[in-house]
Amino acid sequence: MASTVVPVKPAYWLTHAGMAWVRHLASPVEPGAIEMAQYYWYLNCSKAARELSFKPRDPGETLHETVVYLRENFLGGNAFGK
């Protein structure tokens, strides 16, 4: 399965405004983590595929199954309707 990488780079001023805002709150997010969000991040699963026989799945399918699992096991089967 070929994957397409779509890099997302938030505006520099936005990440720094977020850091300033977080510094004034009791937040679990550290200012350094927000600063790191301004950089491009690329992930490659080729090593996991090679060494562990990992087979990536479609992200939409994975997300859907995750939501179904959370609804059934943590929120009750009828959470947010179906």
PDB file of N, CA and C in Angstrom:
ATOM      1  N   MET A   1       0.852  -1.177   0.000  1.00  0.00           N
ATOM      2  CA  MET A   1       0.000   0.000   0.000  1.00  0.00           C
ATOM      3  C   MET A   1       0.894   1.235   0.000  1.00  0.00           C
ATOM      4  N   ALA A   2       0.738   2.072  -0.962  1.00  0.00           N
ATOM      5  CA  ALA A   2       1.520   3.305  -1.026  1.00  0.00           C
ATOM      6  C   ALA A   2       0.851   4.369  -0.169  1.00  0.00           C
ATOM      7  N   SER A   3       1.670   5.122   0.525  1.00  0.00           N
ATOM      8  CA  SER A   3       1.098   6.166   1.364  1.00  0.00           C
ATOM      9  C   SER A   3       1.519   7.524   0.834  1.00  0.00           C
ATOM     10  N   THR A   4       0.677   8.502   1.058  1.00  0.00           N
ATOM     11  CA  THR A   4       0.956   9.864   0.651  1.00  0.00           C
ATOM     12  C   THR A   4       1.222  10.688   1.895  1.00  0.00           C
ATOM     13  N   VAL A   5       2.328  11.398   1.890  1.00  0.00           N
ATOM     14  CA  VAL A   5       2.678  12.245   3.021  1.00  0.00           C
ATOM     15  C   VAL A   5       2.237  13.668   2.704  1.00  0.00           C
ATOM     16  N   VAL A   6       1.419  14.213   3.568  1.00  0.00           N
ATOM     17  CA  VAL A   6       0.974  15.584   3.402  1.00  0.00           C
ATOM     18  C   VAL A   6       1.518  16.381   4.583  1.00  0.00           C
ATOM     19  N   PRO A   7       2.615  17.125   4.363  1.00  0.00           N
ATOM     20  CA  PRO A   7       3.185  17.875   5.474  1.00  0.00           C
ATOM     21  C   PRO A   7       2.296  19.058   5.855  1.00  0.00           C
ATOM     22  N   VAL A   8       2.188  19.279   7.136  1.00  0.00           N
ATOM     23  CA  VAL A   8       1.409  20.396   7.653  1.00  0.00           C
ATOM     24  C   VAL A   8       2.328  21.227   8.528  1.00  0.00           C
ATOM     25  N   LYS A   9       2.382  22.502   8.262  1.00  0.00           N
ATOM     26  CA  LYS A   9       3.254  23.379   9.038  1.00  0.00           C
ATOM     27  C   LYS A   9       2.407  24.540   9.557  1.00  0.00           C
ATOM     28  N   PRO A  10       2.122  24.569  10.862  1.00  0.00           N
ATOM     29  CA  PRO A  10       1.359  25.688  11.410  1.00  0.00           C
ATOM     30  C   PRO A  10       2.180  26.971  11.343  1.00  0.00           C
ATOM     31  N   ALA A  11       1.489  28.066  11.323  1.00  0.00           N
ATOM     32  CA  ALA A  11       2.157  29.367  11.273  1.00  0.00           C
ATOM     33  C   ALA A  11       3.042  29.557  12.504  1.00  0.00           C
ATOM     34  N   TYR A  12       4.215  30.111  12.281  1.00  0.00           N
ATOM     35  CA  TYR A  12       5.192  30.339  13.350  1.00  0.00           C
ATOM     36  C   TYR A  12       4.581  31.172  14.478  1.00  0.00           C
ATOM     37  N   TRP A  13       3.889  32.249  14.105  1.00  0.00           N
ATOM     38  CA  TRP A  13       3.312  33.134  15.127  1.00  0.00           C
ATOM     39  C   TRP A  13       2.252  32.407  15.945  1.00  0.00           C
ATOM     40  N   LEU A  14       1.545  31.473  15.312  1.00  0.00           N
ATOM     41  CA  LEU A  14       0.486  30.753  16.017  1.00  0.00           C
ATOM     42  C   LEU A  14       1.061  29.836  17.087  1.00  0.00           C
ATOM     43  N   THR A  15       2.140  29.134  16.767  1.00  0.00           N
ATOM     44  CA  THR A  15       2.722  28.240  17.768  1.00  0.00           C
ATOM     45  C   THR A  15       3.314  29.033  18.924  1.00  0.00           C
ATOM     46  N   HIS A  16       3.918  30.186  18.643  1.00  0.00           N
ATOM     47  CA  HIS A  16       4.489  30.987  19.720  1.00  0.00           C
ATOM     48  C   HIS A  16       3.404  31.683  20.554  1.00  0.00           C
ATOM     49  N   ALA A  17       2.308  32.048  19.925  1.00  0.00           N
ATOM     50  CA  ALA A  17       1.181  32.599  20.690  1.00  0.00           C
ATOM     51  C   ALA A  17       0.621  31.519  21.611  1.00  0.00           C
ATOM     52  N   GLY A  18       0.569  30.285  21.106  1.00  0.00           N
ATOM     53  CA  GLY A  18       0.096  29.171  21.931  1.00  0.00           C
ATOM     54  C   GLY A  18       1.015  28.913  23.103  1.00  0.00           C
ATOM     55  N   MET A  19       2.339  29.015  22.884  1.00  0.00           N
ATOM     56  CA  MET A  19       3.286  28.826  23.988  1.00  0.00           C
ATOM     57  C   MET A  19       3.081  29.885  25.065  1.00  0.00           C
ATOM     58  N   ALA A  20       2.906  31.123  24.645  1.00  0.00           N
ATOM     59  CA  ALA A  20       2.709  32.201  25.624  1.00  0.00           C
ATOM     60  C   ALA A  20       1.427  31.969  26.415  1.00  0.00           C
ATOM     61  N   TRP A  21       0.397  31.509  25.742  1.00  0.00           N
ATOM     62  CA  TRP A  21      -0.874  31.271  26.398  1.00  0.00           C
ATOM     63  C   TRP A  21      -0.758  30.126  27.405  1.00  0.00           C
ATOM     64  N   VAL A  22      -0.082  29.044  27.013  1.00  0.00           N
ATOM     65  CA  VAL A  22       0.056  27.873  27.884  1.00  0.00           C
ATOM     66  C   VAL A  22       0.878  28.202  29.124  1.00  0.00           C
ATOM     67  N   ARG A  23       1.854  29.062  28.998  1.00  0.00           N
ATOM     68  CA  ARG A  23       2.692  29.402  30.152  1.00  0.00           C
ATOM     69  C   ARG A  23       1.875  30.017  31.290  1.00  0.00           C
ATOM     70  N   HIS A  24       0.733  30.637  30.967  1.00  0.00           N
ATOM     71  CA  HIS A  24      -0.090  31.267  31.991  1.00  0.00           C
ATOM     72  C   HIS A  24      -1.171  30.348  32.545  1.00  0.00           C
ATOM     73  N   LEU A  25      -1.230  29.138  32.057  1.00  0.00           N
ATOM     74  CA  LEU A  25      -2.245  28.185  32.508  1.00  0.00           C
ATOM     75  C   LEU A  25      -1.594  26.998  33.198  1.00  0.00           C
ATOM     76  N   ALA A  26      -2.382  26.301  33.976  1.00  0.00           N
ATOM     77  CA  ALA A  26      -1.923  25.033  34.541  1.00  0.00           C
ATOM     78  C   ALA A  26      -2.284  23.975  33.499  1.00  0.00           C
ATOM     79  N   SER A  27      -1.395  23.744  32.553  1.00  0.00           N
ATOM     80  CA  SER A  27      -1.689  22.868  31.430  1.00  0.00           C
ATOM     81  C   SER A  27      -0.775  21.645  31.444  1.00  0.00           C
ATOM     82  N   PRO A  28      -1.301  20.496  31.005  1.00  0.00           N
ATOM     83  CA  PRO A  28      -0.445  19.318  30.892  1.00  0.00           C
ATOM     84  C   PRO A  28       0.488  19.396  29.677  1.00  0.00           C
ATOM     85  N   VAL A  29       0.277  20.390  28.813  1.00  0.00           N
ATOM     86  CA  VAL A  29       1.106  20.543  27.623  1.00  0.00           C
ATOM     87  C   VAL A  29       2.260  21.486  27.950  1.00  0.00           C
ATOM     88  N   GLU A  30       3.465  20.983  27.754  1.00  0.00           N
ATOM     89  CA  GLU A  30       4.630  21.800  28.044  1.00  0.00           C
ATOM     90  C   GLU A  30       4.880  22.769  26.892  1.00  0.00           C
ATOM     91  N   PRO A  31       5.343  23.977  27.202  1.00  0.00           N
ATOM     92  CA  PRO A  31       5.606  24.948  26.134  1.00  0.00           C
ATOM     93  C   PRO A  31       6.551  24.414  25.057  1.00  0.00           C
ATOM     94  N   GLY A  32       7.528  23.615  25.440  1.00  0.00           N
ATOM     95  CA  GLY A  32       8.445  23.042  24.459  1.00  0.00           C
ATOM     96  C   GLY A  32       7.744  22.133  23.460  1.00  0.00           C
ATOM     97  N   ALA A  33       6.716  21.423  23.916  1.00  0.00           N
ATOM     98  CA  ALA A  33       5.955  20.551  23.021  1.00  0.00           C
ATOM     99  C   ALA A  33       5.201  21.368  21.988  1.00  0.00           C
ATOM    100  N   ILE A  34       4.689  22.499  22.394  1.00  0.00           N
ATOM    101  CA  ILE A  34       3.989  23.369  21.454  1.00  0.00           C
ATOM    102  C   ILE A  34       4.972  23.937  20.435  1.00  0.00           C
ATOM    103  N   GLU A  35       6.152  24.300  20.913  1.00  0.00           N
ATOM    104  CA  GLU A  35       7.154  24.830  19.996  1.00  0.00           C
ATOM    105  C   GLU A  35       7.535  23.780  18.948  1.00  0.00           C
ATOM    106  N   MET A  36       7.651  22.521  19.358  1.00  0.00           N
ATOM    107  CA  MET A  36       8.005  21.464  18.418  1.00  0.00           C
ATOM    108  C   MET A  36       6.923  21.256  17.359  1.00  0.00           C
ATOM    109  N   ALA A  37       5.691  21.661  17.639  1.00  0.00           N
ATOM    110  CA  ALA A  37       4.586  21.478  16.695  1.00  0.00           C
ATOM    111  C   ALA A  37       4.757  22.313  15.435  1.00  0.00           C
ATOM    112  N   GLN A  38       5.641  23.294  15.450  1.00  0.00           N
ATOM    113  CA  GLN A  38       5.811  24.138  14.269  1.00  0.00           C
ATOM    114  C   GLN A  38       6.680  23.492  13.197  1.00  0.00           C
ATOM    115  N   TYR A  39       7.312  22.368  13.490  1.00  0.00           N
ATOM    116  CA  TYR A  39       8.198  21.711  12.544  1.00  0.00           C
ATOM    117  C   TYR A  39       7.471  20.601  11.788  1.00  0.00           C
ATOM    118  N   TYR A  40       7.965  20.300  10.602  1.00  0.00           N
ATOM    119  CA  TYR A  40       7.413  19.190   9.831  1.00  0.00           C
ATOM    120  C   TYR A  40       7.784  17.872  10.504  1.00  0.00           C
ATOM    121  N   TRP A  41       6.850  16.942  10.487  1.00  0.00           N
ATOM    122  CA  TRP A  41       7.098  15.620  11.049  1.00  0.00           C
ATOM    123  C   TRP A  41       6.769  14.588   9.979  1.00  0.00           C
ATOM    124  N   TYR A  42       7.701  13.703   9.716  1.00  0.00           N
ATOM    125  CA  TYR A  42       7.492  12.635   8.759  1.00  0.00           C
ATOM    126  C   TYR A  42       7.680  11.301   9.478  1.00  0.00           C
ATOM    127  N   LEU A  43       6.815  10.374   9.184  1.00  0.00           N
ATOM    128  CA  LEU A  43       6.901   9.052   9.791  1.00  0.00           C
ATOM    129  C   LEU A  43       7.075   8.015   8.697  1.00  0.00           C
ATOM    130  N   ASN A  44       7.856   6.996   8.986  1.00  0.00           N
ATOM    131  CA  ASN A  44       8.109   5.943   8.022  1.00  0.00           C
ATOM    132  C   ASN A  44       8.052   4.613   8.764  1.00  0.00           C
ATOM    133  N   CYS A  45       7.221   3.716   8.273  1.00  0.00           N
ATOM    134  CA  CYS A  45       7.045   2.435   8.948  1.00  0.00           C
ATOM    135  C   CYS A  45       7.826   1.309   8.274  1.00  0.00           C
ATOM    136  N   SER A  46       8.758   1.638   7.390  1.00  0.00           N
ATOM    137  CA  SER A  46       9.459   0.589   6.646  1.00  0.00           C
ATOM    138  C   SER A  46      10.276  -0.330   7.555  1.00  0.00           C
ATOM    139  N   LYS A  47      10.883   0.202   8.610  1.00  0.00           N
ATOM    140  CA  LYS A  47      11.657  -0.644   9.519  1.00  0.00           C
ATOM    141  C   LYS A  47      10.733  -1.615  10.253  1.00  0.00           C
ATOM    142  N   ALA A  48       9.578  -1.135  10.718  1.00  0.00           N
ATOM    143  CA  ALA A  48       8.618  -2.014  11.389  1.00  0.00           C
ATOM    144  C   ALA A  48       8.091  -3.066  10.417  1.00  0.00           C
ATOM    145  N   ALA A  49       7.877  -2.676   9.172  1.00  0.00           N
ATOM    146  CA  ALA A  49       7.416  -3.644   8.169  1.00  0.00           C
ATOM    147  C   ALA A  49       8.484  -4.700   7.922  1.00  0.00           C
ATOM    148  N   ARG A  50       9.712  -4.273   7.827  1.00  0.00           N
ATOM    149  CA  ARG A  50      10.817  -5.186   7.542  1.00  0.00           C
ATOM    150  C   ARG A  50      11.114  -6.110   8.716  1.00  0.00           C
ATOM    151  N   GLU A  51      11.193  -5.567   9.921  1.00  0.00           N
ATOM    152  CA  GLU A  51      11.637  -6.362  11.068  1.00  0.00           C
ATOM    153  C   GLU A  51      10.501  -7.041  11.835  1.00  0.00           C
ATOM    154  N   LEU A  52       9.309  -6.483  11.776  1.00  0.00           N
ATOM    155  CA  LEU A  52       8.206  -7.031  12.564  1.00  0.00           C
ATOM    156  C   LEU A  52       7.032  -7.513  11.719  1.00  0.00           C
ATOM    157  N   SER A  53       7.195  -7.468  10.399  1.00  0.00           N
ATOM    158  CA  SER A  53       6.115  -7.839   9.471  1.00  0.00           C
ATOM    159  C   SER A  53       4.879  -6.980   9.667  1.00  0.00           C
ATOM    160  N   PHE A  54       5.100  -5.728  10.007  1.00  0.00           N
ATOM    161  CA  PHE A  54       4.001  -4.778  10.202  1.00  0.00           C
ATOM    162  C   PHE A  54       3.359  -4.464   8.861  1.00  0.00           C
ATOM    163  N   LYS A  55       2.031  -4.465   8.839  1.00  0.00           N
ATOM    164  CA  LYS A  55       1.296  -4.124   7.628  1.00  0.00           C
ATOM    165  C   LYS A  55       0.380  -2.942   7.951  1.00  0.00           C
ATOM    166  N   PRO A  56       0.721  -1.753   7.461  1.00  0.00           N
ATOM    167  CA  PRO A  56      -0.109  -0.583   7.771  1.00  0.00           C
ATOM    168  C   PRO A  56      -1.500  -0.716   7.162  1.00  0.00           C
ATOM    169  N   ARG A  57      -2.461  -0.141   7.876  1.00  0.00           N
ATOM    170  CA  ARG A  57      -3.839  -0.166   7.406  1.00  0.00           C
ATOM    171  C   ARG A  57      -4.243   1.228   6.959  1.00  0.00           C
ATOM    172  N   ASP A  58      -5.368   1.289   6.295  1.00  0.00           N
ATOM    173  CA  ASP A  58      -5.929   2.569   5.887  1.00  0.00           C
ATOM    174  C   ASP A  58      -6.243   3.398   7.135  1.00  0.00           C
ATOM    175  N   PRO A  59      -5.784   4.652   7.220  1.00  0.00           N
ATOM    176  CA  PRO A  59      -6.030   5.464   8.416  1.00  0.00           C
ATOM    177  C   PRO A  59      -7.515   5.661   8.721  1.00  0.00           C
ATOM    178  N   GLY A  60      -8.332   5.802   7.687  1.00  0.00           N
ATOM    179  CA  GLY A  60      -9.771   5.974   7.912  1.00  0.00           C
ATOM    180  C   GLY A  60     -10.404   4.753   8.550  1.00  0.00           C
ATOM    181  N   GLU A  61     -10.008   3.572   8.070  1.00  0.00           N
ATOM    182  CA  GLU A  61     -10.510   2.316   8.639  1.00  0.00           C
ATOM    183  C   GLU A  61     -10.072   2.177  10.097  1.00  0.00           C
ATOM    184  N   THR A  62      -8.816   2.496  10.356  1.00  0.00           N
ATOM    185  CA  THR A  62      -8.284   2.396  11.716  1.00  0.00           C
ATOM    186  C   THR A  62      -9.010   3.347  12.657  1.00  0.00           C
ATOM    187  N   LEU A  63      -9.220   4.574  12.212  1.00  0.00           N
ATOM    188  CA  LEU A  63      -9.930   5.560  13.033  1.00  0.00           C
ATOM    189  C   LEU A  63     -11.355   5.105  13.316  1.00  0.00           C
ATOM    190  N   HIS A  64     -12.033   4.607  12.286  1.00  0.00           N
ATOM    191  CA  HIS A  64     -13.415   4.148  12.470  1.00  0.00           C
ATOM    192  C   HIS A  64     -13.471   3.031  13.509  1.00  0.00           C
ATOM    193  N   GLU A  65     -12.590   2.034  13.377  1.00  0.00           N
ATOM    194  CA  GLU A  65     -12.593   0.926  14.333  1.00  0.00           C
ATOM    195  C   GLU A  65     -12.231   1.385  15.739  1.00  0.00           C
ATOM    196  N   THR A  66     -11.370   2.379  15.857  1.00  0.00           N
ATOM    197  CA  THR A  66     -11.018   2.920  17.172  1.00  0.00           C
ATOM    198  C   THR A  66     -12.225   3.584  17.816  1.00  0.00           C
ATOM    199  N   VAL A  67     -12.966   4.373  17.048  1.00  0.00           N
ATOM    200  CA  VAL A  67     -14.158   5.043  17.576  1.00  0.00           C
ATOM    201  C   VAL A  67     -15.207   4.021  17.993  1.00  0.00           C
ATOM    202  N   VAL A  68     -15.411   3.006  17.173  1.00  0.00           N
ATOM    203  CA  VAL A  68     -16.380   1.951  17.519  1.00  0.00           C
ATOM    204  C   VAL A  68     -15.968   1.266  18.821  1.00  0.00           C
ATOM    205  N   TYR A  69     -14.693   0.936  18.945  1.00  0.00           N
ATOM    206  CA  TYR A  69     -14.200   0.279  20.161  1.00  0.00           C
ATOM    207  C   TYR A  69     -14.410   1.155  21.390  1.00  0.00           C
ATOM    208  N   LEU A  70     -14.064   2.439  21.282  1.00  0.00           N
ATOM    209  CA  LEU A  70     -14.220   3.344  22.429  1.00  0.00           C
ATOM    210  C   LEU A  70     -15.678   3.505  22.814  1.00  0.00           C
ATOM    211  N   ARG A  71     -16.554   3.611  21.822  1.00  0.00           N
ATOM    212  CA  ARG A  71     -17.986   3.726  22.120  1.00  0.00           C
ATOM    213  C   ARG A  71     -18.500   2.492  22.856  1.00  0.00           C
ATOM    214  N   GLU A  72     -18.119   1.330  22.379  1.00  0.00           N
ATOM    215  CA  GLU A  72     -18.626   0.090  22.959  1.00  0.00           C
ATOM    216  C   GLU A  72     -18.025  -0.224  24.323  1.00  0.00           C
ATOM    217  N   ASN A  73     -16.754   0.103  24.529  1.00  0.00           N
ATOM    218  CA  ASN A  73     -16.075  -0.315  25.748  1.00  0.00           C
ATOM    219  C   ASN A  73     -15.938   0.754  26.818  1.00  0.00           C
ATOM    220  N   PHE A  74     -16.080   2.002  26.465  1.00  0.00           N
ATOM    221  CA  PHE A  74     -15.883   3.056  27.452  1.00  0.00           C
ATOM    222  C   PHE A  74     -17.044   4.032  27.548  1.00  0.00           C
ATOM    223  N   LEU A  75     -17.771   4.224  26.471  1.00  0.00           N
ATOM    224  CA  LEU A  75     -18.838   5.220  26.473  1.00  0.00           C
ATOM    225  C   LEU A  75     -20.222   4.610  26.460  1.00  0.00           C
ATOM    226  N   GLY A  76     -20.323   3.331  26.325  1.00  0.00           N
ATOM    227  CA  GLY A  76     -21.616   2.685  26.186  1.00  0.00           C
ATOM    228  C   GLY A  76     -21.947   2.570  24.704  1.00  0.00           C
ATOM    229  N   GLY A  77     -22.646   1.555  24.330  1.00  0.00           N
ATOM    230  CA  GLY A  77     -22.908   1.267  22.926  1.00  0.00           C
ATOM    231  C   GLY A  77     -23.659   2.345  22.170  1.00  0.00           C
ATOM    232  N   ASN A  78     -24.424   3.177  22.860  1.00  0.00           N
ATOM    233  CA  ASN A  78     -25.228   4.174  22.167  1.00  0.00           C
ATOM    234  C   ASN A  78     -24.686   5.591  22.342  1.00  0.00           C
ATOM    235  N   ALA A  79     -23.436   5.737  22.705  1.00  0.00           N
ATOM    236  CA  ALA A  79     -22.867   7.055  22.911  1.00  0.00           C
ATOM    237  C   ALA A  79     -22.843   7.826  21.596  1.00  0.00           C
ATOM    238  N   PHE A  80     -23.346   9.021  21.593  1.00  0.00           N
ATOM    239  CA  PHE A  80     -23.383   9.924  20.437  1.00  0.00           C
ATOM    240  C   PHE A  80     -24.225   9.385  19.298  1.00  0.00           C
ATOM    241  N   GLY A  81     -25.044   8.405  19.523  1.00  0.00           N
ATOM    242  CA  GLY A  81     -25.860   7.820  18.450  1.00  0.00           C
ATOM    243  C   GLY A  81     -25.030   6.954  17.538  1.00  0.00           C
ATOM    244  N   LYS A  82     -25.670   6.250  16.687  1.00  0.00           N
ATOM    245  CA  LYS A  82     -24.936   5.388  15.738  1.00  0.00           C
ATOM    246  C   LYS A  82     -25.399   5.643  14.351  1.00  0.00           C
TER     247      LYS A  82
END
